[in-house]
């Protein structure tokens, strides 16, 4: 799940280009213009996950959060 704001067309286009055809990636476009709070965006992503679980009957077994502003540990 990658969250983007509806008023950020450049980021939406970048996500689509970078992930084209990868079924593991779900682009979630927030219904509000951004920026909003981090919590607001994360809540929208979680809502999308719950919607997908209800639609497919599946259950997420793990959620990993990564903020683009954070450094990724190489391990």
Protein backbone atom coordinates (compact mmCIF):
# COMPACT_ATOMS: atom_id res chain seq x y z
CA UNK A 1 0.00 0.00 0.00
CA UNK A 2 1.45 3.29 -1.13
CA UNK A 3 -0.44 6.38 -0.12
CA UNK A 4 -0.63 9.46 -2.31
CA UNK A 5 -2.71 12.60 -2.12
CA UNK A 6 -5.20 13.34 -4.88
CA UNK A 7 -3.57 16.71 -5.50
CA UNK A 8 -0.11 15.19 -6.10
CA UNK A 9 -0.29 14.00 -9.70
CA UNK A 10 3.49 13.76 -10.06
CA UNK A 11 3.83 11.28 -7.18
CA UNK A 12 0.84 9.25 -8.38
CA UNK A 13 2.40 9.02 -11.86
CA UNK A 14 5.76 8.02 -10.36
CA UNK A 15 4.21 5.23 -8.30
CA UNK A 16 2.33 3.92 -11.34
CA UNK A 17 5.47 3.99 -13.48
CA UNK A 18 7.65 2.35 -10.84
CA UNK A 19 5.20 -0.42 -9.96
CA UNK A 20 3.42 -1.08 -13.24
CA UNK A 21 2.22 -4.65 -13.38
CA UNK A 22 3.29 -5.61 -9.86
CA UNK A 23 0.21 -7.12 -8.17
CA UNK A 24 1.81 -6.79 -4.73
CA UNK A 25 1.56 -3.00 -4.85
CA UNK A 26 -1.65 -1.15 -4.08
CA UNK A 27 -1.80 2.58 -4.82
CA UNK A 28 -4.18 4.30 -2.42
CA UNK A 29 -5.15 7.83 -3.42
CA UNK A 30 -6.30 9.83 -0.42
CA UNK A 31 -9.68 11.54 -0.82
CA UNK A 32 -8.32 14.77 0.66
CA UNK A 33 -5.81 17.20 -0.75
CA UNK A 34 -2.48 16.96 0.99
CA UNK A 35 -0.57 17.41 2.93
CA UNK A 36 -2.51 16.27 5.98
CA UNK A 37 -1.13 14.67 9.11
CA UNK A 38 0.86 11.45 8.98
CA UNK A 39 -1.83 9.80 11.08
CA UNK A 40 -4.53 10.82 8.59
CA UNK A 41 -2.63 9.25 5.71
CA UNK A 42 -1.85 6.07 7.66
CA UNK A 43 -5.49 5.75 8.68
CA UNK A 44 -6.51 5.94 5.01
CA UNK A 45 -4.02 3.19 4.16
CA UNK A 46 -5.36 1.01 6.98
CA UNK A 47 -8.94 1.61 5.81
CA UNK A 48 -7.92 0.48 2.30
CA UNK A 49 -6.37 -2.68 3.78
CA UNK A 50 -9.57 -3.45 5.69
CA UNK A 51 -11.65 -2.80 2.55
CA UNK A 52 -9.47 -5.24 0.60
CA UNK A 53 -9.75 -7.86 3.34
CA UNK A 54 -13.54 -7.60 3.29
CA UNK A 55 -13.70 -7.73 -0.50
CA UNK A 56 -11.34 -10.70 -0.91
CA UNK A 57 -12.01 -12.59 2.30
CA UNK A 58 -8.27 -12.60 3.00
CA UNK A 59 -6.48 -11.43 6.11
CA UNK A 60 -3.24 -9.49 6.29
CA UNK A 61 -0.70 -11.35 8.38
CA UNK A 62 1.86 -8.56 8.67
CA UNK A 63 1.96 -4.78 8.33
CA UNK A 64 5.27 -2.96 7.91
CA UNK A 65 5.24 0.83 7.96
CA UNK A 66 7.91 2.89 6.24
CA UNK A 67 7.97 6.65 6.07
CA UNK A 68 9.78 8.04 3.04
CA UNK A 69 11.59 10.46 5.36
CA UNK A 70 13.13 7.61 7.37
CA UNK A 71 16.37 5.79 6.66
CA UNK A 72 16.01 2.11 5.79
CA UNK A 73 18.25 -0.17 7.85
CA UNK A 74 20.39 -2.20 5.42
CA UNK A 75 19.85 -5.33 7.54
